PDB file of N, CA and C in Angstrom:
ATOM      1  N   MET A   1       2.614 -16.480  -9.286  1.00  0.00           N
ATOM      2  CA  MET A   1       2.252 -15.367  -8.703  1.00  0.00           C
ATOM      3  C   MET A   1       1.587 -15.284  -7.511  1.00  0.00           C
ATOM      4  N   GLN A   2       0.374 -16.486  -7.225  1.00  0.00           N
ATOM      5  CA  GLN A   2       0.196 -16.516  -6.564  1.00  0.00           C
ATOM      6  C   GLN A   2       0.440 -16.179  -4.607  1.00  0.00           C
ATOM      7  N   GLY A   3      -0.063 -15.167  -4.485  1.00  0.00           N
ATOM      8  CA  GLY A   3       1.089 -15.073  -2.980  1.00  0.00           C
ATOM      9  C   GLY A   3       1.642 -13.657  -2.738  1.00  0.00           C
ATOM     10  N   TYR A   4       2.244 -12.817  -4.604  1.00  0.00           N
ATOM     11  CA  TYR A   4       2.465 -11.885  -4.621  1.00  0.00           C
ATOM     12  C   TYR A   4       1.738 -11.231  -4.915  1.00  0.00           C
ATOM     13  N   ARG A   5       0.818 -11.432  -5.712  1.00  0.00           N
ATOM     14  CA  ARG A   5      -0.439 -10.303  -5.896  1.00  0.00           C
ATOM     15  C   ARG A   5      -0.404  -9.175  -4.903  1.00  0.00           C
ATOM     16  N   THR A   6      -0.837  -9.239  -3.623  1.00  0.00           N
ATOM     17  CA  THR A   6      -1.498  -8.494  -2.647  1.00  0.00           C
ATOM     18  C   THR A   6       0.517  -7.560  -2.777  1.00  0.00           C
ATOM     19  N   TYR A   7       1.438  -8.346  -2.749  1.00  0.00           N
ATOM     20  CA  TYR A   7       2.752  -7.218  -2.737  1.00  0.00           C
ATOM     21  C   TYR A   7       2.807  -6.478  -3.812  1.00  0.00           C
ATOM     22  N   VAL A   8       2.545  -6.600  -5.261  1.00  0.00           N
ATOM     23  CA  VAL A   8       2.495  -6.066  -6.243  1.00  0.00           C
ATOM     24  C   VAL A   8       1.467  -5.021  -5.888  1.00  0.00           C
ATOM     25  N   ALA A   9       0.402  -4.883  -5.087  1.00  0.00           N
ATOM     26  CA  ALA A   9      -0.084  -4.152  -4.817  1.00  0.00           C
ATOM     27  C   ALA A   9      -0.034  -3.229  -4.095  1.00  0.00           C
ATOM     28  N   ALA A  10       0.711  -3.839  -2.961  1.00  0.00           N
ATOM     29  CA  ALA A  10       1.456  -2.808  -2.052  1.00  0.00           C
ATOM     30  C   ALA A  10       1.910  -2.028  -2.772  1.00  0.00           C
ATOM     31  N   ALA A  11       2.662  -2.588  -3.359  1.00  0.00           N
ATOM     32  CA  ALA A  11       4.447  -1.656  -3.552  1.00  0.00           C
ATOM     33  C   ALA A  11       3.739  -0.979  -4.683  1.00  0.00           C
ATOM     34  N   LEU A  12       2.670  -0.924  -5.434  1.00  0.00           N
ATOM     35  CA  LEU A  12       2.180   0.236  -6.489  1.00  0.00           C
ATOM     36  C   LEU A  12       1.309   1.544  -5.574  1.00  0.00           C
ATOM     37  N   VAL A  13       0.577   0.613  -4.193  1.00  0.00           N
ATOM     38  CA  VAL A  13       0.114   2.336  -3.862  1.00  0.00           C
ATOM     39  C   VAL A  13       1.494   3.049  -2.953  1.00  0.00           C
ATOM     40  N   ALA A  14       2.294   2.188  -2.617  1.00  0.00           N
ATOM     41  CA  ALA A  14       3.532   3.135  -1.991  1.00  0.00           C
ATOM     42  C   ALA A  14       4.058   4.116  -3.062  1.00  0.00           C
ATOM     43  N   VAL A  15       4.181   3.595  -4.746  1.00  0.00           N
ATOM     44  CA  VAL A  15       4.806   3.982  -5.377  1.00  0.00           C
ATOM     45  C   VAL A  15       3.872   5.314  -5.752  1.00  0.00           C
ATOM     46  N   PHE A  16       2.572   5.162  -5.653  1.00  0.00           N
ATOM     47  CA  PHE A  16       2.142   6.336  -5.970  1.00  0.00           C
ATOM     48  C   PHE A  16       1.481   6.849  -4.489  1.00  0.00           C
ATOM     49  N   GLY A  17       1.756   6.720  -4.095  1.00  0.00           N
ATOM     50  CA  GLY A  17       1.746   7.755  -2.400  1.00  0.00           C
ATOM     51  C   GLY A  17       3.492   8.177  -2.736  1.00  0.00           C
ATOM     52  N   ALA A  18       4.553   7.739  -2.970  1.00  0.00           N
ATOM     53  CA  ALA A  18       5.464   8.463  -2.945  1.00  0.00           C
ATOM     54  C   ALA A  18       5.399   9.333  -4.205  1.00  0.00           C
ATOM     55  N   LEU A  19       4.765   9.090  -5.370  1.00  0.00           N
ATOM     56  CA  LEU A  19       5.054  10.172  -6.251  1.00  0.00           C
ATOM     57  C   LEU A  19       3.562  11.446  -5.640  1.00  0.00           C
ATOM     58  N   ALA A  20       2.465  10.530  -5.229  1.00  0.00           N
ATOM     59  CA  ALA A  20       1.659  12.105  -5.007  1.00  0.00           C
ATOM     60  C   ALA A  20       2.745  13.292  -3.841  1.00  0.00           C
ATOM     61  N   SER A  21       3.524  12.361  -3.121  1.00  0.00           N
ATOM     62  CA  SER A  21       4.053  12.881  -1.963  1.00  0.00           C
ATOM     63  C   SER A  21       5.346  14.146  -3.173  1.00  0.00           C
ATOM     64  N   SER A  22       5.816  14.407  -3.928  1.00  0.00           N
ATOM     65  CA  SER A  22       6.709  14.476  -4.270  1.00  0.00           C
ATOM     66  C   SER A  22       6.016  15.522  -5.514  1.00  0.00           C
ATOM     67  N   ASP A  23       4.971  15.699  -6.121  1.00  0.00           N
ATOM     68  CA  ASP A  23       4.093  16.867  -6.851  1.00  0.00           C
ATOM     69  C   ASP A  23       3.701  18.119  -5.501  1.00  0.00           C
ATOM     70  N   TRP A  24       4.624  19.010  -5.622  1.00  0.00           N
ATOM     71  CA  TRP A  24       4.629  19.928  -4.752  1.00  0.00           C
ATOM     72  C   TRP A  24       3.136  21.000  -4.430  1.00  0.00           C
ATOM     73  N   VAL A  25       2.269  20.888  -5.933  1.00  0.00           N
ATOM     74  CA  VAL A  25       1.253  21.326  -5.595  1.00  0.00           C
ATOM     75  C   VAL A  25      -0.010  20.950  -4.575  1.00  0.00           C
ATOM     76  N   GLY A  26       0.072  19.628  -5.226  1.00  0.00           N
ATOM     77  CA  GLY A  26      -0.613  18.647  -4.568  1.00  0.00           C
ATOM     78  C   GLY A  26       0.162  18.530  -2.734  1.00  0.00           C
ATOM     79  N   PHE A  27       1.086  18.352  -2.468  1.00  0.00           N
ATOM     80  CA  PHE A  27       1.671  18.455  -1.145  1.00  0.00           C
ATOM     81  C   PHE A  27       1.287  19.141  -0.324  1.00  0.00           C
ATOM     82  N   LEU A  28       1.747  20.058  -1.417  1.00  0.00           N
ATOM     83  CA  LEU A  28       1.467  21.845  -0.172  1.00  0.00           C
ATOM     84  C   LEU A  28      -0.578  21.955   0.320  1.00  0.00           C
ATOM     85  N   ASN A  29      -1.099  21.428  -0.710  1.00  0.00           N
ATOM     86  CA  ASN A  29      -2.453  21.210  -0.418  1.00  0.00           C
ATOM     87  C   ASN A  29      -3.232  20.344   0.596  1.00  0.00           C
ATOM     88  N   ASP A  30      -2.805  19.180   0.565  1.00  0.00           N
ATOM     89  CA  ASP A  30      -2.484  18.158   1.403  1.00  0.00           C
ATOM     90  C   ASP A  30      -1.138  17.064   2.040  1.00  0.00           C
ATOM     91  N   PRO A  31      -0.294  17.204   2.663  1.00  0.00           N
ATOM     92  CA  PRO A  31       0.389  16.838   2.967  1.00  0.00           C
ATOM     93  C   PRO A  31       0.933  15.732   3.853  1.00  0.00           C
ATOM     94  N   LYS A  32      -0.421  15.110   3.939  1.00  0.00           N
ATOM     95  CA  LYS A  32      -0.855  14.129   4.864  1.00  0.00           C
ATOM     96  C   LYS A  32      -1.247  12.730   3.835  1.00  0.00           C
ATOM     97  N   ALA A  33      -1.167  13.245   2.170  1.00  0.00           N
ATOM     98  CA  ALA A  33      -1.560  12.277   1.555  1.00  0.00           C
ATOM     99  C   ALA A  33      -0.684  11.024   1.179  1.00  0.00           C
ATOM    100  N   GLY A  34       0.049  11.276   0.814  1.00  0.00           N
ATOM    101  CA  GLY A  34       1.331  10.915   0.756  1.00  0.00           C
ATOM    102  C   GLY A  34       1.676   9.814   1.562  1.00  0.00           C
ATOM    103  N   ALA A  35       1.638  10.082   2.737  1.00  0.00           N
ATOM    104  CA  ALA A  35       2.002   9.371   3.936  1.00  0.00           C
ATOM    105  C   ALA A  35       0.777   8.334   4.097  1.00  0.00           C
ATOM    106  N   VAL A  36      -0.174   8.423   3.975  1.00  0.00           N
ATOM    107  CA  VAL A  36      -1.558   7.894   4.401  1.00  0.00           C
ATOM    108  C   VAL A  36      -0.931   6.790   3.293  1.00  0.00           C
ATOM    109  N   ALA A  37      -1.087   6.988   2.318  1.00  0.00           N
ATOM    110  CA  ALA A  37      -1.146   5.708   0.851  1.00  0.00           C
ATOM    111  C   ALA A  37       0.571   5.116   1.127  1.00  0.00           C
ATOM    112  N   ILE A  38       1.676   5.668   1.815  1.00  0.00           N
ATOM    113  CA  ILE A  38       2.656   5.046   2.071  1.00  0.00           C
ATOM    114  C   ILE A  38       2.270   3.962   3.214  1.00  0.00           C
ATOM    115  N   GLY A  39       1.798   4.343   4.447  1.00  0.00           N
ATOM    116  CA  GLY A  39       1.140   3.379   5.273  1.00  0.00           C
ATOM    117  C   GLY A  39       0.243   2.711   5.533  1.00  0.00           C
ATOM    118  N   SER A  40      -0.593   2.954   4.452  1.00  0.00           N
ATOM    119  CA  SER A  40      -1.672   1.617   3.520  1.00  0.00           C
ATOM    120  C   SER A  40      -1.078   0.350   2.956  1.00  0.00           C
ATOM    121  N   ALA A  41       0.087   0.980   2.440  1.00  0.00           N
ATOM    122  CA  ALA A  41       0.671   0.112   1.545  1.00  0.00           C
ATOM    123  C   ALA A  41       1.550  -0.938   2.306  1.00  0.00           C
ATOM    124  N   ALA A  42       1.985  -0.290   3.372  1.00  0.00           N
ATOM    125  CA  ALA A  42       3.019  -0.822   4.656  1.00  0.00           C
ATOM    126  C   ALA A  42       2.157  -1.956   5.191  1.00  0.00           C
ATOM    127  N   LEU A  43       0.640  -1.318   5.646  1.00  0.00           N
ATOM    128  CA  LEU A  43       0.274  -2.082   6.668  1.00  0.00           C
ATOM    129  C   LEU A  43      -0.544  -3.302   5.674  1.00  0.00           C
ATOM    130  N   MET A  44      -0.926  -2.542   3.890  1.00  0.00           N
ATOM    131  CA  MET A  44      -1.222  -4.745   3.569  1.00  0.00           C
ATOM    132  C   MET A  44      -0.069  -5.328   3.167  1.00  0.00           C
ATOM    133  N   ALA A  45       0.860  -5.029   3.029  1.00  0.00           N
ATOM    134  CA  ALA A  45       1.989  -6.323   3.065  1.00  0.00           C
ATOM    135  C   ALA A  45       1.825  -6.478   3.896  1.00  0.00           C
ATOM    136  N   ILE A  46       2.302  -6.089   5.235  1.00  0.00           N
ATOM    137  CA  ILE A  46       2.466  -6.843   6.570  1.00  0.00           C
ATOM    138  C   ILE A  46       1.299  -8.138   6.959  1.00  0.00           C
ATOM    139  N   MET A  47       0.015  -7.344   6.681  1.00  0.00           N
ATOM    140  CA  MET A  47      -1.162  -8.288   6.886  1.00  0.00           C
ATOM    141  C   MET A  47      -0.946  -9.635   5.781  1.00  0.00           C
ATOM    142  N   ARG A  48      -0.316  -9.701   4.326  1.00  0.00           N
ATOM    143  CA  ARG A  48      -0.269 -10.220   3.105  1.00  0.00           C
ATOM    144  C   ARG A  48       0.690 -11.187   4.148  1.00  0.00           C
ATOM    145  N   SER A  49       1.990 -10.604   4.718  1.00  0.00           N
ATOM    146  CA  SER A  49       3.041 -11.821   5.172  1.00  0.00           C
ATOM    147  C   SER A  49       2.440 -12.506   6.232  1.00  0.00           C
ATOM    148  N   ILE A  50       1.150 -12.688   7.178  1.00  0.00           N
ATOM    149  CA  ILE A  50       1.275 -12.854   8.647  1.00  0.00           C
ATOM    150  C   ILE A  50      -0.199 -13.637   7.851  1.00  0.00           C
ATOM    151  N   THR A  51      -0.791 -13.761   6.775  1.00  0.00           N
ATOM    152  CA  THR A  51      -1.839 -14.776   6.425  1.00  0.00           C
ATOM    153  C   THR A  51      -1.735 -15.674   5.304  1.00  0.00           C
ATOM    154  N   SER A  52      -2.326 -16.553   5.093  1.00  0.00           N
ATOM    155  CA  SER A  52      -1.930 -17.586   3.926  1.00  0.00           C
ATOM    156  C   SER A  52      -3.031 -18.218   3.637  1.00  0.00           C
ATOM    157  N   THR A  53      -3.928 -17.604   4.362  1.00  0.00           N
ATOM    158  CA  THR A  53      -5.439 -18.324   3.447  1.00  0.00           C
ATOM    159  C   THR A  53      -6.024 -17.031   2.662  1.00  0.00           C
ATOM    160  N   PRO A  54      -7.166 -17.686   1.678  1.00  0.00           N
ATOM    161  CA  PRO A  54      -7.438 -16.415   0.670  1.00  0.00           C
ATOM    162  C   PRO A  54      -9.130 -16.413   1.958  1.00  0.00           C
ATOM    163  N   PRO A  55      -9.335 -14.766   1.845  1.00  0.00           N
ATOM    164  CA  PRO A  55     -10.426 -14.379   2.910  1.00  0.00           C
ATOM    165  C   PRO A  55     -11.400 -15.210   2.699  1.00  0.00           C
ATOM    166  N   GLY A  56     -11.748 -15.699   3.974  1.00  0.00           N
ATOM    167  CA  GLY A  56     -13.308 -16.550   4.039  1.00  0.00           C
ATOM    168  C   GLY A  56     -12.999 -18.182   3.674  1.00  0.00           C
ATOM    169  N   LYS A  57     -12.168 -18.430   3.839  1.00  0.00           N
ATOM    170  CA  LYS A  57     -12.343 -19.614   3.605  1.00  0.00           C
ATOM    171  C   LYS A  57     -11.295 -19.898   5.192  1.00  0.00           C
ATOM    172  N   ASP A  58     -11.453 -21.389   6.033  1.00  0.00           N
ATOM    173  CA  ASP A  58     -10.986 -21.930   6.854  1.00  0.00           C
ATOM    174  C   ASP A  58      -9.844 -22.307   7.016  1.00  0.00           C
ATOM    175  N   ALA A  59      -9.168 -22.158   7.994  1.00  0.00           N
ATOM    176  CA  ALA A  59      -7.253 -22.486   7.482  1.00  0.00           C
ATOM    177  C   ALA A  59      -7.487 -23.742   7.610  1.00  0.00           C
TER     178      ALA A  59
END
């Protein structure tokens, strides 16, 4: 599971962002909230795919 935990976290953020977008009351109050969560998840997955070392460690 090492190395895939970040992908799981990114997927969860994306799912919850999509769910936030589908809540019409929340969507009408703040339509950008779901898009921000989905964008954050995509950025998290991209950053994990280009890195291979744990934070704070030398390569």
